[in-house]
Amino acid sequence: MTDKNSPKKHGKSGEAREERLKAALKANMARRKAQAKARAASGDKTGKDEG
């Protein structure tokens, strides 16, 4: 069987997609880090299920 996600057709569109994904991932990680920092600073446990 052949791999569907094999990088055989890696042209300009593939590189542009990689760059977009990389930028989106970086932004997402920064946002998550900021959210975690804010939660830790506030000490808020509304998201936790204590039961």
Protein backbone atom coordinates (compact mmCIF):
# COMPACT_ATOMS: atom_id res chain seq x y z
CA MET A 1 0.00 0.00 0.00
CA THR A 2 1.09 3.55 -0.58
CA ASP A 3 1.11 6.23 2.02
CA LYS A 4 -1.57 8.88 1.40
CA ASN A 5 0.38 11.52 3.30
CA SER A 6 3.68 10.95 1.53
CA PRO A 7 5.41 14.21 0.60
CA LYS A 8 5.86 13.25 -3.07
CA LYS A 9 4.05 16.31 -4.47
CA HIS A 10 5.87 18.91 -2.41
CA GLY A 11 5.77 22.04 -4.55
CA LYS A 12 5.10 25.67 -3.76
CA SER A 13 1.61 24.94 -2.45
CA GLY A 14 3.00 22.29 -0.12
CA GLU A 15 5.59 24.66 1.26
CA ALA A 16 3.02 27.43 1.69
CA ARG A 17 0.74 24.98 3.52
CA GLU A 18 3.59 23.94 5.80
CA GLU A 19 4.32 27.59 6.61
CA ARG A 20 0.64 28.29 7.33
CA LEU A 21 0.38 25.25 9.57
CA LYS A 22 3.57 26.18 11.39
CA ALA A 23 2.33 29.72 12.00
CA ALA A 24 -1.09 28.49 13.16
CA LEU A 25 0.49 25.98 15.52
CA LYS A 26 2.81 28.62 16.97
CA ALA A 27 -0.11 31.01 17.55
CA ASN A 28 -2.21 28.24 19.10
CA MET A 29 0.57 27.21 21.47
CA ALA A 30 1.16 30.83 22.51
CA ARG A 31 -2.57 31.28 23.18
CA ARG A 32 -2.74 28.07 25.23
CA LYS A 33 0.34 29.09 27.21
CA ALA A 34 -1.19 32.48 27.98
CA GLN A 35 -4.47 30.86 29.04
CA ALA A 36 -2.66 28.41 31.32
CA LYS A 37 -0.64 31.25 32.83
CA ALA A 38 -3.79 33.27 33.47
CA ARG A 39 -5.52 30.29 35.07
CA ALA A 40 -2.53 29.59 37.30
CA ALA A 41 -2.32 33.24 38.35
CA SER A 42 -6.01 33.53 39.19
CA GLY A 43 -6.19 30.19 40.99
CA ASP A 44 -9.63 29.69 39.46
CA LYS A 45 -10.83 26.10 39.43
CA THR A 46 -14.09 26.50 37.51
CA GLY A 47 -12.88 24.12 34.80
CA LYS A 48 -12.11 21.36 37.28
CA ASP A 49 -14.70 18.74 38.19
CA GLU A 50 -14.42 18.09 41.91
CA GLY A 51 -17.01 15.52 42.73
